[in-house]
Amino acid sequence: MFKTRTFWAIVLAIITSILVLETKLNFSGNALWLRAASVLSTPGARVVAALDSPGSALQGWARFWQTTALVCNFLVYAIFWYVCVWLVGYFRSRRHPYDRQPTMLYH
């Protein structure tokens, strides 16, 4: 279970989400940290801005749109970390290509 890419992508996405939230709450006075948190939360904000058009049926549902933004950000973080974990595994396996089983069939 601890060797799967999906597990580590989800764990790292949760940690990233918590760190972004804590940065917005605790480091709001520091411009650098606030800018980093706003950049990391941009994907969810863009999705919500695209879906929440004026005059739509869900226009007044602020809590729904906040949750939608958090879920979108979480999915972006999970996909990012999945790709990172996959790349690390790929490059680690490429470092020692002759340690694996031979792929050629001998007759």
PDB file of N, CA and C in Angstrom:
ATOM      1  N   MET A   1       0.817  -1.189   0.000  1.00  0.00           N
ATOM      2  CA  MET A   1       0.000   0.000   0.000  1.00  0.00           C
ATOM      3  C   MET A   1       0.866   1.260   0.000  1.00  0.00           C
ATOM      4  N   PHE A   2       1.966   1.233   0.758  1.00  0.00           N
ATOM      5  CA  PHE A   2       2.815   2.414   0.840  1.00  0.00           C
ATOM      6  C   PHE A   2       3.703   2.576  -0.388  1.00  0.00           C
ATOM      7  N   LYS A   3       3.682   1.608  -1.288  1.00  0.00           N
ATOM      8  CA  LYS A   3       4.497   1.707  -2.487  1.00  0.00           C
ATOM      9  C   LYS A   3       3.705   2.210  -3.689  1.00  0.00           C
ATOM     10  N   THR A   4       2.424   2.388  -3.557  1.00  0.00           N
ATOM     11  CA  THR A   4       1.633   2.805  -4.705  1.00  0.00           C
ATOM     12  C   THR A   4       1.762   4.305  -4.931  1.00  0.00           C
ATOM     13  N   ARG A   5       1.778   4.667  -6.197  1.00  0.00           N
ATOM     14  CA  ARG A   5       1.882   6.082  -6.554  1.00  0.00           C
ATOM     15  C   ARG A   5       0.630   6.840  -6.148  1.00  0.00           C
ATOM     16  N   THR A   6      -0.511   6.214  -6.291  1.00  0.00           N
ATOM     17  CA  THR A   6      -1.771   6.883  -5.976  1.00  0.00           C
ATOM     18  C   THR A   6      -1.847   7.250  -4.497  1.00  0.00           C
ATOM     19  N   PHE A   7      -1.430   6.341  -3.643  1.00  0.00           N
ATOM     20  CA  PHE A   7      -1.441   6.613  -2.203  1.00  0.00           C
ATOM     21  C   PHE A   7      -0.588   7.827  -1.870  1.00  0.00           C
ATOM     22  N   TRP A   8       0.643   7.859  -2.366  1.00  0.00           N
ATOM     23  CA  TRP A   8       1.530   8.970  -2.061  1.00  0.00           C
ATOM     24  C   TRP A   8       1.064  10.260  -2.713  1.00  0.00           C
ATOM     25  N   ALA A   9       0.442  10.176  -3.881  1.00  0.00           N
ATOM     26  CA  ALA A   9      -0.100  11.383  -4.516  1.00  0.00           C
ATOM     27  C   ALA A   9      -1.216  11.977  -3.668  1.00  0.00           C
ATOM     28  N   ILE A  10      -2.074  11.133  -3.120  1.00  0.00           N
ATOM     29  CA  ILE A  10      -3.169  11.617  -2.276  1.00  0.00           C
ATOM     30  C   ILE A  10      -2.633  12.190  -0.966  1.00  0.00           C
ATOM     31  N   VAL A  11      -1.665  11.511  -0.359  1.00  0.00           N
ATOM     32  CA  VAL A  11      -1.084  12.013   0.887  1.00  0.00           C
ATOM     33  C   VAL A  11      -0.408  13.365   0.663  1.00  0.00           C
ATOM     34  N   LEU A  12       0.372  13.487  -0.401  1.00  0.00           N
ATOM     35  CA  LEU A  12       1.050  14.748  -0.675  1.00  0.00           C
ATOM     36  C   LEU A  12       0.069  15.849  -1.080  1.00  0.00           C
ATOM     37  N   ALA A  13      -1.023  15.481  -1.755  1.00  0.00           N
ATOM     38  CA  ALA A  13      -2.047  16.473  -2.095  1.00  0.00           C
ATOM     39  C   ALA A  13      -2.747  16.992  -0.839  1.00  0.00           C
ATOM     40  N   ILE A  14      -3.002  16.112   0.116  1.00  0.00           N
ATOM     41  CA  ILE A  14      -3.606  16.536   1.378  1.00  0.00           C
ATOM     42  C   ILE A  14      -2.663  17.476   2.127  1.00  0.00           C
ATOM     43  N   ILE A  15      -1.384  17.124   2.169  1.00  0.00           N
ATOM     44  CA  ILE A  15      -0.400  17.972   2.847  1.00  0.00           C
ATOM     45  C   ILE A  15      -0.297  19.329   2.159  1.00  0.00           C
ATOM     46  N   THR A  16      -0.300  19.335   0.831  1.00  0.00           N
ATOM     47  CA  THR A  16      -0.229  20.591   0.089  1.00  0.00           C
ATOM     48  C   THR A  16      -1.457  21.451   0.358  1.00  0.00           C
ATOM     49  N   SER A  17      -2.634  20.826   0.378  1.00  0.00           N
ATOM     50  CA  SER A  17      -3.859  21.581   0.657  1.00  0.00           C
ATOM     51  C   SER A  17      -3.831  22.198   2.048  1.00  0.00           C
ATOM     52  N   ILE A  18      -3.371  21.442   3.024  1.00  0.00           N
ATOM     53  CA  ILE A  18      -3.288  21.941   4.395  1.00  0.00           C
ATOM     54  C   ILE A  18      -2.274  23.081   4.490  1.00  0.00           C
ATOM     55  N   LEU A  19      -1.131  22.929   3.828  1.00  0.00           N
ATOM     56  CA  LEU A  19      -0.121  23.989   3.873  1.00  0.00           C
ATOM     57  C   LEU A  19      -0.599  25.272   3.204  1.00  0.00           C
ATOM     58  N   VAL A  20      -1.322  25.148   2.099  1.00  0.00           N
ATOM     59  CA  VAL A  20      -1.852  26.345   1.439  1.00  0.00           C
ATOM     60  C   VAL A  20      -2.876  27.029   2.339  1.00  0.00           C
ATOM     61  N   LEU A  21      -3.742  26.255   2.969  1.00  0.00           N
ATOM     62  CA  LEU A  21      -4.726  26.828   3.876  1.00  0.00           C
ATOM     63  C   LEU A  21      -4.063  27.506   5.075  1.00  0.00           C
ATOM     64  N   GLU A  22      -3.088  26.854   5.665  1.00  0.00           N
ATOM     65  CA  GLU A  22      -2.378  27.438   6.803  1.00  0.00           C
ATOM     66  C   GLU A  22      -1.616  28.699   6.390  1.00  0.00           C
ATOM     67  N   THR A  23      -1.072  28.697   5.193  1.00  0.00           N
ATOM     68  CA  THR A  23      -0.360  29.883   4.707  1.00  0.00           C
ATOM     69  C   THR A  23      -1.306  31.057   4.562  1.00  0.00           C
ATOM     70  N   LYS A  24      -2.498  30.788   4.033  1.00  0.00           N
ATOM     71  CA  LYS A  24      -3.468  31.874   3.885  1.00  0.00           C
ATOM     72  C   LYS A  24      -3.928  32.403   5.242  1.00  0.00           C
ATOM     73  N   LEU A  25      -4.028  31.529   6.229  1.00  0.00           N
ATOM     74  CA  LEU A  25      -4.508  31.949   7.546  1.00  0.00           C
ATOM     75  C   LEU A  25      -3.432  32.608   8.397  1.00  0.00           C
ATOM     76  N   ASN A  26      -2.239  32.037   8.424  1.00  0.00           N
ATOM     77  CA  ASN A  26      -1.224  32.480   9.370  1.00  0.00           C
ATOM     78  C   ASN A  26      -0.196  33.451   8.806  1.00  0.00           C
ATOM     79  N   PHE A  27       0.033  33.431   7.494  1.00  0.00           N
ATOM     80  CA  PHE A  27       1.054  34.289   6.907  1.00  0.00           C
ATOM     81  C   PHE A  27       0.442  35.338   5.990  1.00  0.00           C
ATOM     82  N   SER A  28      -0.710  35.858   6.356  1.00  0.00           N
ATOM     83  CA  SER A  28      -1.378  36.828   5.498  1.00  0.00           C
ATOM     84  C   SER A  28      -0.646  38.167   5.463  1.00  0.00           C
ATOM     85  N   GLY A  29       0.239  38.437   6.405  1.00  0.00           N
ATOM     86  CA  GLY A  29       0.993  39.677   6.412  1.00  0.00           C
ATOM     87  C   GLY A  29       2.209  39.652   5.503  1.00  0.00           C
ATOM     88  N   ASN A  30       2.712  38.474   5.201  1.00  0.00           N
ATOM     89  CA  ASN A  30       3.889  38.334   4.368  1.00  0.00           C
ATOM     90  C   ASN A  30       3.462  38.243   2.902  1.00  0.00           C
ATOM     91  N   ALA A  31       3.911  39.166   2.083  1.00  0.00           N
ATOM     92  CA  ALA A  31       3.472  39.228   0.686  1.00  0.00           C
ATOM     93  C   ALA A  31       3.947  38.031  -0.124  1.00  0.00           C
ATOM     94  N   LEU A  32       5.146  37.531   0.157  1.00  0.00           N
ATOM     95  CA  LEU A  32       5.679  36.396  -0.605  1.00  0.00           C
ATOM     96  C   LEU A  32       4.863  35.131  -0.364  1.00  0.00           C
ATOM     97  N   TRP A  33       4.581  34.834   0.898  1.00  0.00           N
ATOM     98  CA  TRP A  33       3.812  33.639   1.225  1.00  0.00           C
ATOM     99  C   TRP A  33       2.373  33.751   0.733  1.00  0.00           C
ATOM    100  N   LEU A  34       1.803  34.938   0.837  1.00  0.00           N
ATOM    101  CA  LEU A  34       0.437  35.138   0.363  1.00  0.00           C
ATOM    102  C   LEU A  34       0.361  34.988  -1.152  1.00  0.00           C
ATOM    103  N   ARG A  35       1.365  35.469  -1.866  1.00  0.00           N
ATOM    104  CA  ARG A  35       1.405  35.319  -3.325  1.00  0.00           C
ATOM    105  C   ARG A  35       1.564  33.844  -3.702  1.00  0.00           C
ATOM    106  N   ALA A  36       2.407  33.112  -2.985  1.00  0.00           N
ATOM    107  CA  ALA A  36       2.584  31.681  -3.264  1.00  0.00           C
ATOM    108  C   ALA A  36       1.284  30.919  -3.035  1.00  0.00           C
ATOM    109  N   ALA A  37       0.576  31.250  -1.970  1.00  0.00           N
ATOM    110  CA  ALA A  37      -0.700  30.577  -1.694  1.00  0.00           C
ATOM    111  C   ALA A  37      -1.744  30.913  -2.746  1.00  0.00           C
ATOM    112  N   SER A  38      -1.744  32.150  -3.209  1.00  0.00           N
ATOM    113  CA  SER A  38      -2.736  32.511  -4.231  1.00  0.00           C
ATOM    114  C   SER A  38      -2.420  31.853  -5.569  1.00  0.00           C
ATOM    115  N   VAL A  39      -1.149  31.695  -5.890  1.00  0.00           N
ATOM    116  CA  VAL A  39      -0.786  30.997  -7.131  1.00  0.00           C
ATOM    117  C   VAL A  39      -1.182  29.531  -7.050  1.00  0.00           C
ATOM    118  N   LEU A  40      -0.982  28.910  -5.894  1.00  0.00           N
ATOM    119  CA  LEU A  40      -1.331  27.495  -5.752  1.00  0.00           C
ATOM    120  C   LEU A  40      -2.838  27.257  -5.719  1.00  0.00           C
ATOM    121  N   SER A  41      -3.615  28.263  -5.399  1.00  0.00           N
ATOM    122  CA  SER A  41      -5.066  28.087  -5.375  1.00  0.00           C
ATOM    123  C   SER A  41      -5.740  28.659  -6.617  1.00  0.00           C
ATOM    124  N   THR A  42      -4.983  29.035  -7.617  1.00  0.00           N
ATOM    125  CA  THR A  42      -5.530  29.597  -8.850  1.00  0.00           C
ATOM    126  C   THR A  42      -6.374  28.613  -9.656  1.00  0.00           C
ATOM    127  N   PRO A  43      -5.995  27.330  -9.797  1.00  0.00           N
ATOM    128  CA  PRO A  43      -6.809  26.437 -10.637  1.00  0.00           C
ATOM    129  C   PRO A  43      -8.260  26.326 -10.176  1.00  0.00           C
ATOM    130  N   GLY A  44      -8.477  26.188  -8.895  1.00  0.00           N
ATOM    131  CA  GLY A  44      -9.845  26.103  -8.382  1.00  0.00           C
ATOM    132  C   GLY A  44     -10.616  27.388  -8.582  1.00  0.00           C
ATOM    133  N   ALA A  45      -9.934  28.507  -8.403  1.00  0.00           N
ATOM    134  CA  ALA A  45     -10.598  29.796  -8.607  1.00  0.00           C
ATOM    135  C   ALA A  45     -10.987  29.991 -10.064  1.00  0.00           C
ATOM    136  N   ARG A  46     -10.143  29.535 -10.977  1.00  0.00           N
ATOM    137  CA  ARG A  46     -10.462  29.657 -12.405  1.00  0.00           C
ATOM    138  C   ARG A  46     -11.661  28.795 -12.789  1.00  0.00           C
ATOM    139  N   VAL A  47     -11.730  27.591 -12.254  1.00  0.00           N
ATOM    140  CA  VAL A  47     -12.871  26.707 -12.551  1.00  0.00           C
ATOM    141  C   VAL A  47     -14.155  27.311 -12.013  1.00  0.00           C
ATOM    142  N   VAL A  48     -14.116  27.817 -10.790  1.00  0.00           N
ATOM    143  CA  VAL A  48     -15.313  28.421 -10.193  1.00  0.00           C
ATOM    144  C   VAL A  48     -15.721  29.663 -10.967  1.00  0.00           C
ATOM    145  N   ALA A  49     -14.763  30.469 -11.377  1.00  0.00           N
ATOM    146  CA  ALA A  49     -15.097  31.670 -12.149  1.00  0.00           C
ATOM    147  C   ALA A  49     -15.719  31.307 -13.496  1.00  0.00           C
ATOM    148  N   ALA A  50     -15.283  30.210 -14.078  1.00  0.00           N
ATOM    149  CA  ALA A  50     -15.859  29.788 -15.356  1.00  0.00           C
ATOM    150  C   ALA A  50     -17.266  29.211 -15.187  1.00  0.00           C
ATOM    151  N   LEU A  51     -17.512  28.530 -14.082  1.00  0.00           N
ATOM    152  CA  LEU A  51     -18.809  27.886 -13.877  1.00  0.00           C
ATOM    153  C   LEU A  51     -19.856  28.816 -13.265  1.00  0.00           C
ATOM    154  N   ASP A  52     -19.418  29.741 -12.440  1.00  0.00           N
ATOM    155  CA  ASP A  52     -20.353  30.618 -11.728  1.00  0.00           C
ATOM    156  C   ASP A  52     -20.573  31.898 -12.528  1.00  0.00           C
ATOM    157  N   SER A  53     -21.377  31.795 -13.545  1.00  0.00           N
ATOM    158  CA  SER A  53     -21.660  32.970 -14.361  1.00  0.00           C
ATOM    159  C   SER A  53     -22.818  33.747 -13.744  1.00  0.00           C
ATOM    160  N   PRO A  54     -22.878  35.053 -13.996  1.00  0.00           N
ATOM    161  CA  PRO A  54     -23.984  35.843 -13.456  1.00  0.00           C
ATOM    162  C   PRO A  54     -25.327  35.364 -14.008  1.00  0.00           C
ATOM    163  N   GLY A  55     -26.296  35.264 -13.143  1.00  0.00           N
ATOM    164  CA  GLY A  55     -27.623  34.822 -13.543  1.00  0.00           C
ATOM    165  C   GLY A  55     -27.792  33.316 -13.549  1.00  0.00           C
ATOM    166  N   SER A  56     -26.792  32.567 -13.066  1.00  0.00           N
ATOM    167  CA  SER A  56     -26.936  31.111 -13.041  1.00  0.00           C
ATOM    168  C   SER A  56     -27.784  30.694 -11.839  1.00  0.00           C
ATOM    169  N   ALA A  57     -28.209  29.442 -11.854  1.00  0.00           N
ATOM    170  CA  ALA A  57     -29.079  28.941 -10.788  1.00  0.00           C
ATOM    171  C   ALA A  57     -28.339  28.821  -9.459  1.00  0.00           C
ATOM    172  N   LEU A  58     -27.025  28.625  -9.504  1.00  0.00           N
ATOM    173  CA  LEU A  58     -26.236  28.437  -8.288  1.00  0.00           C
ATOM    174  C   LEU A  58     -25.456  29.690  -7.918  1.00  0.00           C
ATOM    175  N   GLN A  59     -25.944  30.843  -8.253  1.00  0.00           N
ATOM    176  CA  GLN A  59     -25.195  32.077  -8.061  1.00  0.00           C
ATOM    177  C   GLN A  59     -24.978  32.419  -6.588  1.00  0.00           C
ATOM    178  N   GLY A  60     -25.916  32.179  -5.720  1.00  0.00           N
ATOM    179  CA  GLY A  60     -25.787  32.569  -4.322  1.00  0.00           C
ATOM    180  C   GLY A  60     -25.187  31.516  -3.419  1.00  0.00           C
ATOM    181  N   TRP A  61     -24.727  30.415  -3.940  1.00  0.00           N
ATOM    182  CA  TRP A  61     -24.234  29.317  -3.126  1.00  0.00           C
ATOM    183  C   TRP A  61     -22.731  29.451  -2.905  1.00  0.00           C
ATOM    184  N   ALA A  62     -22.338  30.317  -2.017  1.00  0.00           N
ATOM    185  CA  ALA A  62     -20.916  30.588  -1.794  1.00  0.00           C
ATOM    186  C   ALA A  62     -20.192  29.371  -1.229  1.00  0.00           C
ATOM    187  N   ARG A  63     -20.813  28.677  -0.306  1.00  0.00           N
ATOM    188  CA  ARG A  63     -20.164  27.515   0.310  1.00  0.00           C
ATOM    189  C   ARG A  63     -19.959  26.395  -0.714  1.00  0.00           C
ATOM    190  N   PHE A  64     -20.906  26.222  -1.611  1.00  0.00           N
ATOM    191  CA  PHE A  64     -20.771  25.220  -2.678  1.00  0.00           C
ATOM    192  C   PHE A  64     -19.585  25.556  -3.574  1.00  0.00           C
ATOM    193  N   TRP A  65     -19.432  26.841  -3.923  1.00  0.00           N
ATOM    194  CA  TRP A  65     -18.343  27.231  -4.814  1.00  0.00           C
ATOM    195  C   TRP A  65     -16.986  27.164  -4.106  1.00  0.00           C
ATOM    196  N   GLN A  66     -16.972  27.423  -2.801  1.00  0.00           N
ATOM    197  CA  GLN A  66     -15.725  27.261  -2.053  1.00  0.00           C
ATOM    198  C   GLN A  66     -15.300  25.800  -2.029  1.00  0.00           C
ATOM    199  N   THR A  67     -16.262  24.916  -1.818  1.00  0.00           N
ATOM    200  CA  THR A  67     -15.963  23.485  -1.811  1.00  0.00           C
ATOM    201  C   THR A  67     -15.515  23.022  -3.191  1.00  0.00           C
ATOM    202  N   THR A  68     -16.164  23.537  -4.229  1.00  0.00           N
ATOM    203  CA  THR A  68     -15.767  23.185  -5.588  1.00  0.00           C
ATOM    204  C   THR A  68     -14.334  23.621  -5.869  1.00  0.00           C
ATOM    205  N   ALA A  69     -13.968  24.817  -5.424  1.00  0.00           N
ATOM    206  CA  ALA A  69     -12.603  25.302  -5.619  1.00  0.00           C
ATOM    207  C   ALA A  69     -11.599  24.433  -4.865  1.00  0.00           C
ATOM    208  N   LEU A  70     -11.924  24.040  -3.637  1.00  0.00           N
ATOM    209  CA  LEU A  70     -11.024  23.179  -2.865  1.00  0.00           C
ATOM    210  C   LEU A  70     -10.849  21.813  -3.520  1.00  0.00           C
ATOM    211  N   VAL A  71     -11.937  21.244  -4.022  1.00  0.00           N
ATOM    212  CA  VAL A  71     -11.862  19.937  -4.680  1.00  0.00           C
ATOM    213  C   VAL A  71     -11.040  20.027  -5.966  1.00  0.00           C
ATOM    214  N   CYS A  72     -11.244  21.090  -6.736  1.00  0.00           N
ATOM    215  CA  CYS A  72     -10.460  21.265  -7.965  1.00  0.00           C
ATOM    216  C   CYS A  72      -8.978  21.424  -7.654  1.00  0.00           C
ATOM    217  N   ASN A  73      -8.669  22.214  -6.644  1.00  0.00           N
ATOM    218  CA  ASN A  73      -7.262  22.371  -6.244  1.00  0.00           C
ATOM    219  C   ASN A  73      -6.678  21.046  -5.777  1.00  0.00           C
ATOM    220  N   PHE A  74      -7.450  20.291  -4.998  1.00  0.00           N
ATOM    221  CA  PHE A  74      -6.975  18.999  -4.529  1.00  0.00           C
ATOM    222  C   PHE A  74      -6.687  18.059  -5.700  1.00  0.00           C
ATOM    223  N   LEU A  75      -7.550  18.037  -6.690  1.00  0.00           N
ATOM    224  CA  LEU A  75      -7.321  17.183  -7.859  1.00  0.00           C
ATOM    225  C   LEU A  75      -6.083  17.616  -8.634  1.00  0.00           C
ATOM    226  N   VAL A  76      -5.877  18.905  -8.766  1.00  0.00           N
ATOM    227  CA  VAL A  76      -4.668  19.389  -9.450  1.00  0.00           C
ATOM    228  C   VAL A  76      -3.422  18.990  -8.669  1.00  0.00           C
ATOM    229  N   TYR A  77      -3.455  19.144  -7.352  1.00  0.00           N
ATOM    230  CA  TYR A  77      -2.313  18.748  -6.528  1.00  0.00           C
ATOM    231  C   TYR A  77      -2.063  17.242  -6.635  1.00  0.00           C
ATOM    232  N   ALA A  78      -3.130  16.452  -6.601  1.00  0.00           N
ATOM    233  CA  ALA A  78      -2.967  14.993  -6.674  1.00  0.00           C
ATOM    234  C   ALA A  78      -2.368  14.583  -8.014  1.00  0.00           C
ATOM    235  N   ILE A  79      -2.825  15.184  -9.097  1.00  0.00           N
ATOM    236  CA  ILE A  79      -2.265  14.848 -10.410  1.00  0.00           C
ATOM    237  C   ILE A  79      -0.808  15.282 -10.493  1.00  0.00           C
ATOM    238  N   PHE A  80      -0.493  16.468  -9.981  1.00  0.00           N
ATOM    239  CA  PHE A  80       0.889  16.939  -9.980  1.00  0.00           C
ATOM    240  C   PHE A  80       1.795  15.988  -9.201  1.00  0.00           C
ATOM    241  N   TRP A  81       1.381  15.608  -7.988  1.00  0.00           N
ATOM    242  CA  TRP A  81       2.216  14.733  -7.175  1.00  0.00           C
ATOM    243  C   TRP A  81       2.302  13.328  -7.759  1.00  0.00           C
ATOM    244  N   TYR A  82       1.239  12.853  -8.408  1.00  0.00           N
ATOM    245  CA  TYR A  82       1.285  11.544  -9.057  1.00  0.00           C
ATOM    246  C   TYR A  82       2.353  11.545 -10.153  1.00  0.00           C
ATOM    247  N   VAL A  83       2.368  12.601 -10.954  1.00  0.00           N
ATOM    248  CA  VAL A  83       3.370  12.696 -12.022  1.00  0.00           C
ATOM    249  C   VAL A  83       4.774  12.785 -11.431  1.00  0.00           C
ATOM    250  N   CYS A  84       4.937  13.551 -10.353  1.00  0.00           N
ATOM    251  CA  CYS A  84       6.255  13.659  -9.720  1.00  0.00           C
ATOM    252  C   CYS A  84       6.731  12.316  -9.168  1.00  0.00           C
ATOM    253  N   VAL A  85       5.852  11.596  -8.496  1.00  0.00           N
ATOM    254  CA  VAL A  85       6.217  10.288  -7.936  1.00  0.00           C
ATOM    255  C   VAL A  85       6.515   9.306  -9.069  1.00  0.00           C
ATOM    256  N   TRP A  86       5.746   9.370 -10.143  1.00  0.00           N
ATOM    257  CA  TRP A  86       5.997   8.493 -11.287  1.00  0.00           C
ATOM    258  C   TRP A  86       7.357   8.799 -11.913  1.00  0.00           C
ATOM    259  N   LEU A  87       7.695  10.080 -12.052  1.00  0.00           N
ATOM    260  CA  LEU A  87       8.995  10.448 -12.631  1.00  0.00           C
ATOM    261  C   LEU A  87      10.153   9.987 -11.752  1.00  0.00           C
ATOM    262  N   VAL A  88      10.005  10.126 -10.449  1.00  0.00           N
ATOM    263  CA  VAL A  88      11.057   9.658  -9.544  1.00  0.00           C
ATOM    264  C   VAL A  88      11.242   8.151  -9.685  1.00  0.00           C
ATOM    265  N   GLY A  89      10.147   7.411  -9.724  1.00  0.00           N
ATOM    266  CA  GLY A  89      10.248   5.960  -9.904  1.00  0.00           C
ATOM    267  C   GLY A  89      10.844   5.580 -11.243  1.00  0.00           C
ATOM    268  N   TYR A  90      10.498   6.321 -12.267  1.00  0.00           N
ATOM    269  CA  TYR A  90      11.030   6.043 -13.599  1.00  0.00           C
ATOM    270  C   TYR A  90      12.536   6.290 -13.653  1.00  0.00           C
ATOM    271  N   PHE A  91      12.973   7.424 -13.112  1.00  0.00           N
ATOM    272  CA  PHE A  91      14.398   7.733 -13.158  1.00  0.00           C
ATOM    273  C   PHE A  91      15.209   6.838 -12.228  1.00  0.00           C
ATOM    274  N   ARG A  92      14.623   6.395 -11.143  1.00  0.00           N
ATOM    275  CA  ARG A  92      15.338   5.453 -10.271  1.00  0.00           C
ATOM    276  C   ARG A  92      15.501   4.102 -10.942  1.00  0.00           C
ATOM    277  N   SER A  93      14.519   3.674 -11.706  1.00  0.00           N
ATOM    278  CA  SER A  93      14.640   2.398 -12.407  1.00  0.00           C
ATOM    279  C   SER A  93      15.586   2.513 -13.596  1.00  0.00           C
ATOM    280  N   ARG A  94      15.713   3.693 -14.171  1.00  0.00           N
ATOM    281  CA  ARG A  94      16.620   3.897 -15.299  1.00  0.00           C
ATOM    282  C   ARG A  94      18.076   3.964 -14.840  1.00  0.00           C
ATOM    283  N   ARG A  95      18.303   4.224 -13.583  1.00  0.00           N
ATOM    284  CA  ARG A  95      19.675   4.358 -13.103  1.00  0.00           C
ATOM    285  C   ARG A  95      20.405   3.022 -13.153  1.00  0.00           C
ATOM    286  N   HIS A  96      19.719   1.939 -12.892  1.00  0.00           N
ATOM    287  CA  HIS A  96      20.319   0.607 -12.905  1.00  0.00           C
ATOM    288  C   HIS A  96      19.535  -0.296 -13.850  1.00  0.00           C
ATOM    289  N   PRO A  97      19.684  -0.126 -15.146  1.00  0.00           N
ATOM    290  CA  PRO A  97      18.846  -0.901 -16.068  1.00  0.00           C
ATOM    291  C   PRO A  97      19.204  -2.381 -16.102  1.00  0.00           C
ATOM    292  N   TYR A  98      20.414  -2.750 -15.679  1.00  0.00           N
ATOM    293  CA  TYR A  98      20.811  -4.151 -15.763  1.00  0.00           C
ATOM    294  C   TYR A  98      20.503  -4.930 -14.494  1.00  0.00           C
ATOM    295  N   ASP A  99      19.923  -4.291 -13.501  1.00  0.00           N
ATOM    296  CA  ASP A  99      19.534  -4.986 -12.277  1.00  0.00           C
ATOM    297  C   ASP A  99      18.203  -5.697 -12.435  1.00  0.00           C
ATOM    298  N   ARG A 100      17.472  -5.394 -13.506  1.00  0.00           N
ATOM    299  CA  ARG A 100      16.171  -6.013 -13.716  1.00  0.00           C
ATOM    300  C   ARG A 100      16.322  -7.349 -14.421  1.00  0.00           C
ATOM    301  N   GLN A 101      15.200  -8.047 -14.532  1.00  0.00           N
ATOM    302  CA  GLN A 101      15.187  -9.308 -15.246  1.00  0.00           C
ATOM    303  C   GLN A 101      15.464  -9.073 -16.713  1.00  0.00           C
ATOM    304  N   PRO A 102      16.102  -9.992 -17.400  1.00  0.00           N
ATOM    305  CA  PRO A 102      16.330  -9.802 -18.841  1.00  0.00           C
ATOM    306  C   PRO A 102      15.013  -9.862 -19.596  1.00  0.00           C
ATOM    307  N   THR A 103      14.905  -9.017 -20.592  1.00  0.00           N
ATOM    308  CA  THR A 103      13.676  -8.973 -21.372  1.00  0.00           C
ATOM    309  C   THR A 103      13.748  -9.795 -22.630  1.00  0.00           C
ATOM    310  N   MET A 104      14.939 -10.255 -22.981  1.00  0.00           N
ATOM    311  CA  MET A 104      15.079 -11.068 -24.192  1.00  0.00           C
ATOM    312  C   MET A 104      14.800 -12.528 -23.865  1.00  0.00           C
ATOM    313  N   LEU A 105      14.133 -13.180 -24.755  1.00  0.00           N
ATOM    314  CA  LEU A 105      13.831 -14.601 -24.576  1.00  0.00           C
ATOM    315  C   LEU A 105      14.934 -15.432 -25.203  1.00  0.00           C
ATOM    316  N   TYR A 106      15.395 -16.413 -24.456  1.00  0.00           N
ATOM    317  CA  TYR A 106      16.440 -17.289 -24.952  1.00  0.00           C
ATOM    318  C   TYR A 106      15.801 -18.604 -25.360  1.00  0.00           C
ATOM    319  N   HIS A 107      16.215 -19.116 -26.495  1.00  0.00           N
ATOM    320  CA  HIS A 107      15.668 -20.392 -26.974  1.00  0.00           C
ATOM    321  C   HIS A 107      16.586 -21.514 -26.684  1.00  0.00           C
TER     322      HIS A 107
END
